[in-house]
Amino acid sequence: MTIYSLAQSVLVKGEAGEPLPSPYRGLAYHEVEFRRGEFSLVAAGPGTGKSLFALNLALSGSIPVMYFSADSNASTQLTRATAILTGDNVRDVKRKLLADEFDEYLSYLGKRWWIRFDYDARPSLPDIELSLRAYFEVFGMFPHLIVVDNITNVVGDSPAGDAESFTFGLEAMCEYMSDMARKTGAHVLTLHHVTGEHSDGLNPIPLSGVKGKIGRVPNVILTVHKEIDGMDGRILHVSPVKNRDGFEDSSGQTFSSYEFNSTNMRLTDIPNTL
């Protein structure tokens, strides 16, 4: 064990606290940053768009990323990512992928070599550690962003049981993710579910709506609800219900809004909400 003075802490802090590039200006307005060495959680109902939120963040800057995609397979993530990066219609991208006509995208996607995906549907903690060690072995550094989609897909040490055991297991998993953020210097972003009464995702979700009520460990907790605008239109509202270093509103009633383009899977700020 090593102890440090405040002056010595300047020398050993490393990259901790450095904010990652983010496409979400509305969250920046609410003082939400995704900082290296810290752990955040995004919670929403099924099908609301939390995975798209994470993927748009992961693709927004030229940063090393390790994405544990337990909730979505390679075909889904590849077509979404290609549409986001190129602006092409996701249906056309999917058709070309299934028809083995994907060559036109390969050279473009190859330039994003620093983004890696793990598609294990039920990764264990040793599996995650092995993938991160492999990333370090290949690139000589850990990723700046680690996404875990979803945290409940990760196989932990606690056996399944009653609600108390479930919450205890999630708390332990959050502590592990927080420790992983510190040791790797990455920002660890995990996705999670909400309680049953908020599962339709149509109204603001408070901090108490996060499943398992695991609000103690994460530096930042965001909840996401949606607004349906016509047949294909959708707006995502993102509420900072916990924010250790900035604005927060645990009720979920304060949020920034983003238009979801179902053609190219991109999320863009709605200016009049800033």
Protein backbone atom coordinates (compact mmCIF):
# COMPACT_ATOMS: atom_id res chain seq x y z
CA MET A 1 0.00 0.00 0.00
CA THR A 2 1.27 3.48 -0.90
CA ILE A 3 0.01 6.73 0.59
CA TYR A 4 0.32 10.15 -1.07
CA SER A 5 0.22 13.79 -0.08
CA LEU A 6 -2.02 16.16 -2.03
CA ALA A 7 1.00 17.42 -3.97
CA GLN A 8 2.12 13.87 -4.76
CA SER A 9 -1.41 13.01 -5.90
CA VAL A 10 -0.94 15.38 -8.84
CA LEU A 11 1.85 13.12 -10.12
CA VAL A 12 -0.04 9.82 -9.75
CA LYS A 13 -3.51 10.78 -10.93
CA GLY A 14 -2.72 9.69 -14.51
CA GLU A 15 -5.56 10.30 -16.96
CA ALA A 16 -8.26 10.08 -14.29
CA GLY A 17 -10.81 12.85 -14.63
CA GLU A 18 -10.17 13.51 -18.31
CA PRO A 19 -13.58 13.86 -20.05
CA LEU A 20 -14.25 11.76 -23.14
CA PRO A 21 -15.56 13.40 -26.32
CA SER A 22 -19.35 13.30 -26.30
CA PRO A 23 -21.97 14.09 -28.96
CA TYR A 24 -24.50 15.05 -26.28
CA ARG A 25 -24.36 18.83 -25.83
CA GLY A 26 -27.53 18.80 -23.75
CA LEU A 27 -25.88 16.60 -21.13
CA ALA A 28 -22.83 18.87 -21.15
CA TYR A 29 -25.20 21.78 -20.44
CA HIS A 30 -26.35 19.82 -17.38
CA GLU A 31 -22.69 19.34 -16.36
CA VAL A 32 -22.64 15.65 -17.20
CA GLU A 33 -19.28 14.36 -18.42
CA PHE A 34 -18.01 10.85 -19.07
CA ARG A 35 -14.64 11.02 -17.32
CA ARG A 36 -11.84 8.49 -17.43
CA GLY A 37 -11.37 6.53 -14.24
CA GLU A 38 -15.06 6.85 -13.36
CA PHE A 39 -18.13 4.63 -13.55
CA SER A 40 -21.57 5.56 -14.88
CA LEU A 41 -24.87 3.79 -15.35
CA VAL A 42 -27.62 4.36 -17.92
CA ALA A 43 -31.01 2.86 -17.06
CA ALA A 44 -34.12 2.57 -19.24
CA GLY A 45 -36.97 0.27 -20.13
CA PRO A 46 -36.56 -2.38 -22.85
CA GLY A 47 -36.49 -0.98 -26.38
CA THR A 48 -36.20 2.63 -25.24
CA GLY A 49 -32.80 3.24 -26.83
CA LYS A 50 -30.13 2.90 -24.15
CA SER A 51 -27.94 0.70 -26.38
CA LEU A 52 -28.16 3.29 -29.18
CA PHE A 53 -27.23 5.97 -26.66
CA ALA A 54 -24.10 4.01 -25.71
CA LEU A 55 -23.18 3.16 -29.30
CA ASN A 56 -23.49 6.77 -30.48
CA LEU A 57 -21.19 7.77 -27.61
CA ALA A 58 -18.68 5.04 -28.44
CA LEU A 59 -18.50 6.07 -32.10
CA SER A 60 -18.47 9.83 -31.53
CA GLY A 61 -14.74 10.35 -30.98
CA SER A 62 -11.47 8.82 -32.10
CA ILE A 63 -10.92 6.99 -28.82
CA PRO A 64 -10.09 3.38 -27.95
CA VAL A 65 -13.28 1.50 -27.00
CA MET A 66 -14.06 -1.98 -25.67
CA TYR A 67 -17.77 -2.76 -26.01
CA PHE A 68 -19.16 -5.83 -24.23
CA SER A 69 -22.32 -6.40 -26.27
CA ALA A 70 -24.09 -9.13 -24.33
CA ASP A 71 -27.53 -7.79 -25.24
CA SER A 72 -27.05 -7.43 -29.03
CA ASN A 73 -25.43 -9.75 -31.56
CA ALA A 74 -22.76 -8.93 -34.13
CA SER A 75 -25.22 -8.42 -36.99
CA THR A 76 -27.25 -5.88 -35.05
CA GLN A 77 -24.27 -3.90 -33.79
CA LEU A 78 -22.47 -3.99 -37.14
CA THR A 79 -25.44 -2.64 -39.09
CA ARG A 80 -26.21 0.03 -36.50
CA ALA A 81 -22.58 1.15 -36.26
CA THR A 82 -22.18 1.27 -40.04
CA ALA A 83 -25.34 3.35 -40.41
CA ILE A 84 -24.22 5.76 -37.66
CA LEU A 85 -20.75 6.20 -39.13
CA THR A 86 -21.74 6.52 -42.80
CA GLY A 87 -25.23 8.01 -42.54
CA ASP A 88 -26.56 5.27 -44.85
CA ASN A 89 -29.99 3.75 -44.35
CA VAL A 90 -29.70 0.95 -41.80
CA ARG A 91 -32.07 -1.22 -43.86
CA ASP A 92 -29.79 -0.94 -46.90
CA VAL A 93 -26.78 -1.73 -44.75
CA LYS A 94 -28.54 -4.83 -43.35
CA ARG A 95 -29.53 -5.99 -46.83
CA LYS A 96 -25.97 -5.67 -48.11
CA LEU A 97 -24.63 -7.53 -45.10
CA LEU A 98 -27.02 -10.46 -45.60
CA ALA A 99 -26.36 -10.51 -49.37
CA ASP A 100 -22.56 -10.57 -48.88
CA GLU A 101 -22.32 -7.19 -50.60
CA PHE A 102 -20.60 -5.47 -47.68
CA ASP A 103 -17.18 -4.89 -49.24
CA GLU A 104 -17.82 -1.19 -49.87
CA TYR A 105 -17.88 -0.59 -46.11
CA LEU A 106 -14.90 -2.71 -45.06
CA SER A 107 -12.12 -0.21 -45.76
CA TYR A 108 -14.06 2.54 -43.99
CA LEU A 109 -14.79 0.39 -40.95
CA GLY A 110 -11.18 -0.80 -40.90
CA LYS A 111 -10.11 2.72 -40.00
CA ARG A 112 -11.94 2.28 -36.68
CA TRP A 113 -9.57 -0.49 -35.59
CA TRP A 114 -9.42 0.83 -32.02
CA ILE A 115 -13.07 -0.13 -31.37
CA ARG A 116 -13.46 -3.76 -30.35
CA PHE A 117 -16.60 -5.77 -29.50
CA ASP A 118 -17.13 -8.85 -27.36
CA TYR A 119 -20.44 -10.58 -28.19
CA ASP A 120 -20.52 -13.16 -25.39
CA ALA A 121 -24.14 -13.24 -24.19
CA ARG A 122 -23.18 -14.19 -20.60
CA PRO A 123 -19.64 -13.01 -19.90
CA SER A 124 -18.14 -13.70 -16.51
CA LEU A 125 -15.90 -11.29 -14.66
CA PRO A 126 -12.81 -13.37 -15.61
CA ASP A 127 -13.99 -13.22 -19.25
CA ILE A 128 -14.15 -9.42 -19.10
CA GLU A 129 -10.71 -9.24 -17.51
CA LEU A 130 -9.28 -11.55 -20.18
CA SER A 131 -10.70 -9.39 -23.00
CA LEU A 132 -9.24 -6.26 -21.42
CA ARG A 133 -5.84 -7.91 -21.00
CA ALA A 134 -6.00 -8.97 -24.66
CA TYR A 135 -6.83 -5.38 -25.66
CA PHE A 136 -3.83 -4.15 -23.69
CA GLU A 137 -1.60 -6.82 -25.25
CA VAL A 138 -2.60 -5.76 -28.77
CA PHE A 139 -2.59 -1.96 -28.37
CA GLY A 140 -0.26 -1.40 -25.42
CA MET A 141 -2.94 0.44 -23.46
CA PHE A 142 -6.38 -0.04 -22.02
CA PRO A 143 -9.42 1.44 -23.80
CA HIS A 144 -10.56 4.92 -22.81
CA LEU A 145 -14.21 3.77 -22.81
CA ILE A 146 -15.56 0.41 -21.68
CA VAL A 147 -19.26 -0.28 -22.31
CA VAL A 148 -21.07 -3.15 -20.58
CA ASP A 149 -24.44 -3.82 -22.21
CA ASN A 150 -26.15 -4.91 -19.87
CA ILE A 151 -24.77 -5.23 -16.35
CA THR A 152 -27.30 -7.95 -15.49
CA ASN A 153 -25.93 -10.11 -18.33
CA VAL A 154 -22.59 -10.37 -16.55
CA VAL A 155 -22.19 -13.54 -14.52
CA GLY A 156 -21.16 -12.58 -10.99
CA ASP A 157 -20.24 -14.51 -7.89
CA SER A 158 -23.55 -14.07 -6.05
CA PRO A 159 -26.16 -16.81 -6.55
CA ALA A 160 -29.63 -15.87 -7.77
CA GLY A 161 -32.19 -15.52 -5.00
CA ASP A 162 -34.63 -13.08 -3.52
CA ALA A 163 -34.77 -9.32 -4.15
CA GLU A 164 -32.26 -8.61 -1.39
CA SER A 165 -29.75 -11.03 -2.90
CA PHE A 166 -30.32 -9.50 -6.34
CA THR A 167 -29.61 -6.01 -5.01
CA PHE A 168 -26.55 -7.20 -3.09
CA GLY A 169 -25.20 -8.86 -6.23
CA LEU A 170 -25.72 -5.71 -8.28
CA GLU A 171 -24.01 -3.58 -5.63
CA ALA A 172 -21.02 -5.91 -5.74
CA MET A 173 -21.00 -5.76 -9.55
CA CYS A 174 -21.06 -1.95 -9.45
CA GLU A 175 -18.14 -1.94 -7.02
CA TYR A 176 -16.24 -4.21 -9.41
CA MET A 177 -16.97 -1.89 -12.37
CA SER A 178 -15.90 1.15 -10.37
CA ASP A 179 -12.66 -0.56 -9.39
CA MET A 180 -12.11 -1.57 -13.04
CA ALA A 181 -12.49 2.08 -14.09
CA ARG A 182 -9.83 3.17 -11.61
CA LYS A 183 -7.37 0.41 -12.48
CA THR A 184 -7.67 0.76 -16.26
CA GLY A 185 -8.11 4.53 -16.41
CA ALA A 186 -11.16 4.00 -18.62
CA HIS A 187 -14.63 5.39 -18.26
CA VAL A 188 -16.85 2.37 -17.59
CA LEU A 189 -20.41 2.84 -18.84
CA THR A 190 -22.91 0.14 -17.93
CA LEU A 191 -26.48 -0.24 -19.12
CA HIS A 192 -29.22 -1.41 -16.81
CA HIS A 193 -32.98 -1.90 -16.45
CA VAL A 194 -35.67 -0.05 -14.50
CA THR A 195 -38.46 -1.19 -12.22
CA GLY A 196 -41.69 -2.54 -13.67
CA GLU A 197 -43.80 0.58 -13.36
CA HIS A 198 -41.29 2.46 -15.54
CA SER A 199 -40.65 -0.29 -18.08
CA ASP A 200 -42.78 1.30 -20.83
CA GLY A 201 -40.33 4.22 -20.85
CA LEU A 202 -42.99 6.85 -21.56
CA ASN A 203 -42.47 9.06 -18.51
CA PRO A 204 -39.48 10.52 -16.66
CA ILE A 205 -37.75 7.90 -14.52
CA PRO A 206 -36.49 8.92 -11.06
CA LEU A 207 -33.40 7.57 -9.33
CA SER A 208 -35.68 5.29 -7.31
CA GLY A 209 -36.83 3.71 -10.59
CA VAL A 210 -33.44 2.12 -11.25
CA LYS A 211 -33.82 -1.64 -10.79
CA GLY A 212 -32.24 -2.85 -7.59
CA LYS A 213 -31.89 0.76 -6.38
CA ILE A 214 -28.13 0.66 -6.91
CA GLY A 215 -27.48 4.39 -6.66
CA ARG A 216 -24.58 4.40 -4.22
CA VAL A 217 -21.55 3.51 -6.35
CA PRO A 218 -21.83 5.13 -9.82
CA ASN A 219 -20.45 8.64 -10.30
CA VAL A 220 -23.23 9.37 -12.80
CA ILE A 221 -26.64 7.75 -13.30
CA LEU A 222 -28.79 8.66 -16.29
CA THR A 223 -32.33 7.47 -16.95
CA VAL A 224 -33.86 7.50 -20.42
CA HIS A 225 -37.50 7.79 -21.43
CA LYS A 226 -39.00 8.25 -24.89
CA GLU A 227 -41.55 10.32 -26.71
CA ILE A 228 -43.18 8.79 -29.75
CA ASP A 229 -43.63 11.32 -32.56
CA GLY A 230 -45.54 9.72 -35.43
CA MET A 231 -44.96 6.30 -37.01
CA ASP A 232 -41.13 6.29 -37.07
CA GLY A 233 -40.30 9.42 -35.08
CA ARG A 234 -38.90 9.16 -31.59
CA ILE A 235 -37.33 11.56 -29.13
CA LEU A 236 -35.16 10.32 -26.27
CA HIS A 237 -35.10 12.31 -23.04
CA VAL A 238 -32.05 11.74 -20.80
CA SER A 239 -32.29 12.67 -17.11
CA PRO A 240 -29.23 13.13 -14.86
CA VAL A 241 -30.68 11.60 -11.69
CA LYS A 242 -27.25 11.35 -10.04
CA ASN A 243 -24.17 13.41 -10.88
CA ARG A 244 -21.42 13.59 -8.30
CA ASP A 245 -19.67 16.55 -9.91
CA GLY A 246 -22.50 18.55 -11.43
CA PHE A 247 -26.22 19.15 -11.75
CA GLU A 248 -28.62 16.38 -10.78
CA ASP A 249 -32.34 15.98 -10.33
CA SER A 250 -33.23 12.67 -8.69
CA SER A 251 -36.87 13.07 -9.74
CA GLY A 252 -35.94 12.62 -13.41
CA GLN A 253 -38.06 15.62 -14.35
CA THR A 254 -35.07 17.58 -15.72
CA PHE A 255 -33.70 16.16 -18.95
CA SER A 256 -32.02 16.93 -22.25
CA SER A 257 -33.64 15.69 -25.46
CA TYR A 258 -32.34 13.99 -28.59
CA GLU A 259 -33.99 13.21 -31.88
CA PHE A 260 -33.62 9.60 -32.95
CA ASN A 261 -33.20 9.15 -36.70
CA SER A 262 -34.49 5.65 -37.38
CA THR A 263 -32.88 5.69 -40.84
CA ASN A 264 -29.26 6.05 -39.75
CA MET A 265 -29.56 5.33 -35.99
CA ARG A 266 -28.09 8.70 -35.03
CA LEU A 267 -29.08 10.74 -31.99
CA THR A 268 -28.87 14.52 -32.32
CA ASP A 269 -29.54 17.31 -29.84
CA ILE A 270 -32.82 19.18 -30.07
CA PRO A 271 -31.53 22.78 -29.78
CA ASN A 272 -34.55 24.35 -28.13
CA THR A 273 -34.17 22.03 -25.14
CA LEU A 274 -30.77 23.47 -24.18
